[in-house]
């Protein structure tokens, strides 16, 4: 599958999870349910993937964790906040840059309609 097809599957799965759970839960609840939904769809996904920082020729584990990475080609950052802020976008862009992945989704589940909580981001290296 191409990254755009994978992101489409992720968005569809997020909408399904949001329809079932609604807003108001912790990010971890949405993450766990989204992983379950993506596994049901047989989409390979890693949760809480370690993301080291490369500095001075060394890879240093400083505690960064990618919420989800699907099929190695789409990073998903999950939020449950009143409103997405520029820092959330900056976080996803940093993860894209550090990982070498080009496509990312910022998903905020604390919204009335899930489509209002989706931000697609592309990092051009």
N, C-alpha and C. Protein backbone atom coordinates (compact mmCIF):
# COMPACT_ATOMS: atom_id res chain seq x y z
N UNK A 1 0.83 -1.19 0.00
CA UNK A 1 0.00 0.00 0.00
C UNK A 1 0.87 1.25 0.00
N UNK A 2 0.38 2.27 -0.66
CA UNK A 2 1.07 3.55 -0.69
C UNK A 2 0.74 4.35 0.57
N UNK A 3 1.62 5.30 0.93
CA UNK A 3 1.36 6.09 2.15
C UNK A 3 -0.02 6.77 2.16
N UNK A 4 -0.49 7.27 1.03
CA UNK A 4 -1.81 7.90 1.00
C UNK A 4 -2.93 6.90 1.29
N UNK A 5 -2.78 5.68 0.80
CA UNK A 5 -3.77 4.64 1.09
C UNK A 5 -3.74 4.25 2.56
N UNK A 6 -2.53 4.17 3.11
CA UNK A 6 -2.37 3.84 4.52
C UNK A 6 -2.99 4.94 5.38
N UNK A 7 -2.72 6.21 5.04
CA UNK A 7 -3.29 7.30 5.83
C UNK A 7 -4.82 7.30 5.73
N UNK A 8 -5.35 6.92 4.58
CA UNK A 8 -6.80 6.80 4.44
C UNK A 8 -7.37 5.74 5.37
N UNK A 9 -6.68 4.61 5.49
CA UNK A 9 -7.10 3.55 6.39
C UNK A 9 -7.03 4.01 7.85
N UNK A 10 -5.98 4.76 8.18
CA UNK A 10 -5.81 5.26 9.55
C UNK A 10 -6.94 6.24 9.88
N UNK A 11 -7.23 7.15 8.97
CA UNK A 11 -8.29 8.13 9.20
C UNK A 11 -9.64 7.43 9.36
N UNK A 12 -9.91 6.46 8.52
CA UNK A 12 -11.16 5.71 8.63
C UNK A 12 -11.24 4.98 9.97
N UNK A 13 -10.12 4.38 10.38
CA UNK A 13 -10.08 3.67 11.67
C UNK A 13 -10.28 4.65 12.83
N UNK A 14 -9.65 5.83 12.74
CA UNK A 14 -9.79 6.84 13.80
C UNK A 14 -11.24 7.29 13.91
N UNK A 15 -11.90 7.45 12.78
CA UNK A 15 -13.31 7.86 12.81
C UNK A 15 -14.18 6.78 13.45
N UNK A 16 -13.85 5.54 13.19
CA UNK A 16 -14.59 4.44 13.79
C UNK A 16 -14.40 4.42 15.31
N UNK A 17 -13.15 4.58 15.73
CA UNK A 17 -12.85 4.60 17.17
C UNK A 17 -13.56 5.78 17.83
N UNK A 18 -13.49 6.94 17.21
CA UNK A 18 -14.12 8.13 17.78
C UNK A 18 -15.63 7.97 17.85
N UNK A 19 -16.22 7.37 16.83
CA UNK A 19 -17.68 7.14 16.84
C UNK A 19 -18.08 6.24 18.01
N UNK A 20 -17.24 5.27 18.32
CA UNK A 20 -17.54 4.33 19.39
C UNK A 20 -17.30 4.92 20.78
N UNK A 21 -16.23 5.71 20.92
CA UNK A 21 -15.83 6.19 22.25
C UNK A 21 -16.25 7.62 22.53
N UNK A 22 -16.28 8.47 21.50
CA UNK A 22 -16.57 9.88 21.70
C UNK A 22 -15.39 10.61 22.31
N UNK A 23 -15.53 11.91 22.54
CA UNK A 23 -14.45 12.69 23.15
C UNK A 23 -14.40 12.51 24.66
N UNK A 24 -13.31 12.98 25.28
CA UNK A 24 -13.24 13.04 26.73
C UNK A 24 -12.39 12.00 27.42
N UNK A 25 -11.79 11.08 26.66
CA UNK A 25 -10.94 10.05 27.28
C UNK A 25 -9.47 10.44 27.19
N UNK A 26 -8.62 9.65 27.81
CA UNK A 26 -7.18 9.86 27.73
C UNK A 26 -6.65 9.42 26.38
N UNK A 27 -5.54 10.02 25.98
CA UNK A 27 -4.89 9.65 24.71
C UNK A 27 -4.60 8.16 24.65
N UNK A 28 -4.21 7.58 25.76
CA UNK A 28 -3.85 6.15 25.78
C UNK A 28 -5.03 5.26 25.40
N UNK A 29 -6.24 5.67 25.76
CA UNK A 29 -7.43 4.88 25.39
C UNK A 29 -7.62 4.89 23.88
N UNK A 30 -7.49 6.07 23.27
CA UNK A 30 -7.65 6.17 21.82
C UNK A 30 -6.52 5.43 21.10
N UNK A 31 -5.32 5.53 21.64
CA UNK A 31 -4.19 4.85 21.03
C UNK A 31 -4.40 3.33 21.03
N UNK A 32 -4.77 2.79 22.17
CA UNK A 32 -4.98 1.34 22.26
C UNK A 32 -6.08 0.87 21.33
N UNK A 33 -7.17 1.60 21.27
CA UNK A 33 -8.28 1.20 20.40
C UNK A 33 -7.93 1.37 18.93
N UNK A 34 -7.15 2.41 18.60
CA UNK A 34 -6.73 2.61 17.22
C UNK A 34 -5.78 1.50 16.78
N UNK A 35 -4.87 1.10 17.65
CA UNK A 35 -3.98 -0.03 17.34
C UNK A 35 -4.82 -1.28 17.09
N UNK A 36 -5.79 -1.55 17.94
CA UNK A 36 -6.67 -2.71 17.77
C UNK A 36 -7.38 -2.65 16.41
N UNK A 37 -7.92 -1.49 16.08
CA UNK A 37 -8.65 -1.33 14.82
C UNK A 37 -7.73 -1.52 13.61
N UNK A 38 -6.52 -1.00 13.68
CA UNK A 38 -5.58 -1.16 12.57
C UNK A 38 -5.11 -2.61 12.44
N UNK A 39 -4.94 -3.28 13.57
CA UNK A 39 -4.59 -4.71 13.53
C UNK A 39 -5.71 -5.53 12.90
N UNK A 40 -6.96 -5.18 13.21
CA UNK A 40 -8.10 -5.87 12.59
C UNK A 40 -8.06 -5.73 11.07
N UNK A 41 -7.55 -4.61 10.62
CA UNK A 41 -7.46 -4.34 9.18
C UNK A 41 -6.17 -4.90 8.57
N UNK A 42 -5.41 -5.58 9.39
CA UNK A 42 -4.15 -6.19 8.98
C UNK A 42 -3.13 -5.16 8.47
N UNK A 43 -3.17 -3.99 9.08
CA UNK A 43 -2.22 -2.94 8.77
C UNK A 43 -1.12 -2.99 9.83
N UNK A 44 0.12 -3.25 9.43
CA UNK A 44 1.19 -3.34 10.44
C UNK A 44 1.39 -2.01 11.14
N UNK A 45 1.39 -2.05 12.46
CA UNK A 45 1.51 -0.82 13.24
C UNK A 45 2.37 -1.08 14.48
N UNK A 46 3.22 -0.11 14.78
CA UNK A 46 4.01 -0.16 16.01
C UNK A 46 3.56 0.97 16.90
N UNK A 47 3.42 0.68 18.17
CA UNK A 47 2.97 1.65 19.15
C UNK A 47 4.14 2.03 20.06
N UNK A 48 4.24 3.32 20.39
CA UNK A 48 5.28 3.83 21.28
C UNK A 48 6.68 3.45 20.79
N UNK A 49 6.91 3.65 19.49
CA UNK A 49 8.20 3.32 18.88
C UNK A 49 9.27 4.31 19.35
N UNK A 50 10.40 3.79 19.74
CA UNK A 50 11.51 4.61 20.21
C UNK A 50 12.06 5.42 19.05
N UNK A 51 12.30 6.70 19.30
CA UNK A 51 12.86 7.60 18.29
C UNK A 51 14.08 8.30 18.87
N UNK A 52 15.27 7.79 18.55
CA UNK A 52 16.47 8.43 19.08
C UNK A 52 16.79 9.72 18.34
N UNK A 53 17.57 10.57 18.97
CA UNK A 53 18.09 11.78 18.34
C UNK A 53 19.50 11.47 17.87
N UNK A 54 19.79 11.84 16.62
CA UNK A 54 21.15 11.64 16.12
C UNK A 54 21.93 12.93 16.34
N UNK A 55 23.01 12.79 17.09
CA UNK A 55 23.84 13.95 17.42
C UNK A 55 25.31 13.53 17.41
N UNK A 56 26.10 14.29 16.71
CA UNK A 56 27.55 14.06 16.69
C UNK A 56 27.87 12.63 16.27
N UNK A 57 27.10 12.11 15.31
CA UNK A 57 27.34 10.77 14.80
C UNK A 57 26.83 9.64 15.69
N UNK A 58 26.15 9.99 16.78
CA UNK A 58 25.64 8.98 17.71
C UNK A 58 24.12 9.04 17.77
N UNK A 59 23.51 7.89 17.92
CA UNK A 59 22.07 7.84 18.16
C UNK A 59 21.85 7.80 19.66
N UNK A 60 21.13 8.79 20.16
CA UNK A 60 20.96 8.94 21.60
C UNK A 60 19.48 8.81 21.94
N UNK A 61 19.16 7.86 22.81
CA UNK A 61 17.78 7.69 23.26
C UNK A 61 17.51 8.70 24.36
N UNK A 62 16.70 9.70 24.02
CA UNK A 62 16.38 10.75 24.98
C UNK A 62 14.91 10.70 25.40
N UNK A 63 14.27 9.59 25.09
CA UNK A 63 12.91 9.39 25.59
C UNK A 63 11.80 9.71 24.61
N UNK A 64 12.13 10.09 23.37
CA UNK A 64 11.06 10.34 22.40
C UNK A 64 10.41 9.03 22.00
N UNK A 65 9.09 9.06 21.91
CA UNK A 65 8.30 7.89 21.49
C UNK A 65 7.27 8.35 20.49
N UNK A 66 7.24 7.67 19.36
CA UNK A 66 6.21 7.94 18.35
C UNK A 66 4.97 7.18 18.78
N UNK A 67 3.82 7.86 18.86
CA UNK A 67 2.59 7.18 19.28
C UNK A 67 2.34 5.95 18.42
N UNK A 68 2.26 6.15 17.11
CA UNK A 68 2.07 5.03 16.18
C UNK A 68 2.86 5.27 14.91
N UNK A 69 3.37 4.19 14.35
CA UNK A 69 3.93 4.24 13.00
C UNK A 69 3.34 3.07 12.24
N UNK A 70 2.64 3.39 11.16
CA UNK A 70 1.91 2.38 10.39
C UNK A 70 2.68 2.03 9.13
N UNK A 71 2.91 0.74 8.95
CA UNK A 71 3.59 0.19 7.78
C UNK A 71 4.93 0.88 7.51
N UNK A 72 5.51 1.46 8.55
CA UNK A 72 6.80 2.12 8.42
C UNK A 72 6.77 3.39 7.59
N UNK A 73 5.57 3.84 7.20
CA UNK A 73 5.50 4.98 6.27
C UNK A 73 4.62 6.14 6.72
N UNK A 74 3.84 5.97 7.79
CA UNK A 74 2.98 7.05 8.28
C UNK A 74 3.10 7.12 9.80
N UNK A 75 3.48 8.30 10.28
CA UNK A 75 3.55 8.53 11.73
C UNK A 75 2.22 9.13 12.17
N UNK A 76 1.71 8.62 13.30
CA UNK A 76 0.46 9.13 13.86
C UNK A 76 0.74 9.66 15.27
N UNK A 77 0.43 10.92 15.47
CA UNK A 77 0.55 11.53 16.80
C UNK A 77 -0.86 11.76 17.31
N UNK A 78 -1.17 11.18 18.46
CA UNK A 78 -2.52 11.21 19.02
C UNK A 78 -2.60 12.25 20.14
N UNK A 79 -3.65 13.05 20.09
CA UNK A 79 -3.90 14.05 21.12
C UNK A 79 -5.35 13.94 21.59
N UNK A 80 -5.59 14.43 22.79
CA UNK A 80 -6.94 14.56 23.35
C UNK A 80 -6.96 15.89 24.09
N UNK A 81 -6.92 16.97 23.31
CA UNK A 81 -6.80 18.32 23.86
C UNK A 81 -7.96 19.19 23.37
N UNK A 82 -8.17 20.31 24.06
CA UNK A 82 -9.24 21.22 23.67
C UNK A 82 -9.05 21.75 22.25
N UNK A 83 -7.79 22.08 21.92
CA UNK A 83 -7.49 22.63 20.61
C UNK A 83 -6.05 22.31 20.26
N UNK A 84 -5.80 21.90 19.02
CA UNK A 84 -4.43 21.68 18.59
C UNK A 84 -3.70 23.01 18.58
N UNK A 85 -2.45 22.98 19.02
CA UNK A 85 -1.62 24.17 19.09
C UNK A 85 -0.44 24.02 18.13
N UNK A 86 0.20 25.11 17.77
CA UNK A 86 1.37 25.02 16.88
C UNK A 86 2.45 24.08 17.40
N UNK A 87 2.58 23.94 18.71
CA UNK A 87 3.60 23.05 19.27
C UNK A 87 3.31 21.59 18.92
N UNK A 88 2.04 21.23 18.78
CA UNK A 88 1.69 19.86 18.38
C UNK A 88 2.14 19.59 16.96
N UNK A 89 1.95 20.57 16.08
CA UNK A 89 2.41 20.44 14.69
C UNK A 89 3.93 20.37 14.65
N UNK A 90 4.59 21.20 15.45
CA UNK A 90 6.05 21.19 15.50
C UNK A 90 6.57 19.85 15.98
N UNK A 91 5.89 19.25 16.95
CA UNK A 91 6.29 17.94 17.47
C UNK A 91 6.22 16.90 16.35
N UNK A 92 5.12 16.87 15.60
CA UNK A 92 4.99 15.90 14.53
C UNK A 92 6.04 16.14 13.44
N UNK A 93 6.26 17.39 13.08
CA UNK A 93 7.29 17.69 12.08
C UNK A 93 8.68 17.24 12.55
N UNK A 94 8.96 17.41 13.83
CA UNK A 94 10.25 16.95 14.37
C UNK A 94 10.36 15.43 14.27
N UNK A 95 9.28 14.73 14.59
CA UNK A 95 9.29 13.27 14.49
C UNK A 95 9.49 12.82 13.05
N UNK A 96 8.86 13.51 12.11
CA UNK A 96 9.04 13.18 10.70
C UNK A 96 10.49 13.39 10.29
N UNK A 97 11.05 14.51 10.69
CA UNK A 97 12.44 14.83 10.34
C UNK A 97 13.42 13.82 10.94
N UNK A 98 13.26 13.52 12.24
CA UNK A 98 14.18 12.60 12.92
C UNK A 98 14.07 11.17 12.39
N UNK A 99 12.87 10.77 11.96
CA UNK A 99 12.66 9.39 11.52
C UNK A 99 12.91 9.17 10.03
N UNK A 100 12.86 10.24 9.25
CA UNK A 100 12.99 10.09 7.80
C UNK A 100 11.68 9.72 7.12
N UNK A 101 10.59 9.67 7.88
CA UNK A 101 9.27 9.38 7.32
C UNK A 101 8.69 10.69 6.79
N UNK A 102 8.01 10.64 5.66
CA UNK A 102 7.52 11.86 5.02
C UNK A 102 6.10 12.27 5.40
N UNK A 103 5.26 11.30 5.76
CA UNK A 103 3.84 11.59 5.98
C UNK A 103 3.46 11.36 7.43
N UNK A 104 2.71 12.31 7.99
CA UNK A 104 2.25 12.19 9.36
C UNK A 104 0.83 12.65 9.53
N UNK A 105 0.15 12.10 10.51
CA UNK A 105 -1.20 12.50 10.87
C UNK A 105 -1.22 12.92 12.32
N UNK A 106 -1.80 14.08 12.56
CA UNK A 106 -2.02 14.58 13.91
C UNK A 106 -3.51 14.41 14.17
N UNK A 107 -3.85 13.53 15.12
CA UNK A 107 -5.25 13.20 15.38
C UNK A 107 -5.65 13.67 16.77
N UNK A 108 -6.59 14.60 16.83
CA UNK A 108 -7.12 15.07 18.11
C UNK A 108 -8.50 14.46 18.32
N UNK A 109 -8.61 13.58 19.30
CA UNK A 109 -9.88 12.89 19.56
C UNK A 109 -10.83 13.68 20.46
N UNK A 110 -10.39 14.81 21.00
CA UNK A 110 -11.24 15.58 21.90
C UNK A 110 -12.04 16.62 21.11
N UNK A 111 -12.79 16.13 20.12
CA UNK A 111 -13.61 16.98 19.26
C UNK A 111 -14.99 16.33 19.13
N UNK A 112 -15.96 17.13 18.73
CA UNK A 112 -17.30 16.59 18.53
C UNK A 112 -17.34 15.71 17.28
N UNK A 113 -16.76 16.19 16.19
CA UNK A 113 -16.69 15.41 14.94
C UNK A 113 -15.23 15.15 14.61
N UNK A 114 -14.88 13.90 14.42
CA UNK A 114 -13.48 13.52 14.23
C UNK A 114 -12.83 14.24 13.06
N UNK A 115 -13.57 14.50 12.01
CA UNK A 115 -12.94 15.14 10.85
C UNK A 115 -12.38 16.52 11.19
N UNK A 116 -12.87 17.13 12.27
CA UNK A 116 -12.34 18.42 12.72
C UNK A 116 -11.03 18.26 13.49
N UNK A 117 -10.69 17.03 13.85
CA UNK A 117 -9.48 16.78 14.64
C UNK A 117 -8.36 16.14 13.85
N UNK A 118 -8.41 16.21 12.52
CA UNK A 118 -7.41 15.55 11.68
C UNK A 118 -6.55 16.59 10.97
N UNK A 119 -5.26 16.46 11.13
CA UNK A 119 -4.31 17.33 10.43
C UNK A 119 -3.28 16.42 9.75
N UNK A 120 -3.21 16.49 8.42
CA UNK A 120 -2.25 15.72 7.63
C UNK A 120 -1.05 16.61 7.37
N UNK A 121 0.14 16.06 7.60
CA UNK A 121 1.35 16.85 7.42
C UNK A 121 2.38 16.05 6.61
N UNK A 122 3.05 16.76 5.71
CA UNK A 122 4.09 16.16 4.87
C UNK A 122 5.39 16.89 5.15
N UNK A 123 6.46 16.13 5.34
CA UNK A 123 7.78 16.71 5.54
C UNK A 123 8.59 16.50 4.28
N UNK A 124 8.99 17.59 3.66
CA UNK A 124 9.83 17.52 2.46
C UNK A 124 11.28 17.71 2.85
N UNK A 125 12.04 16.64 2.70
CA UNK A 125 13.44 16.67 3.11
C UNK A 125 14.29 17.40 2.11
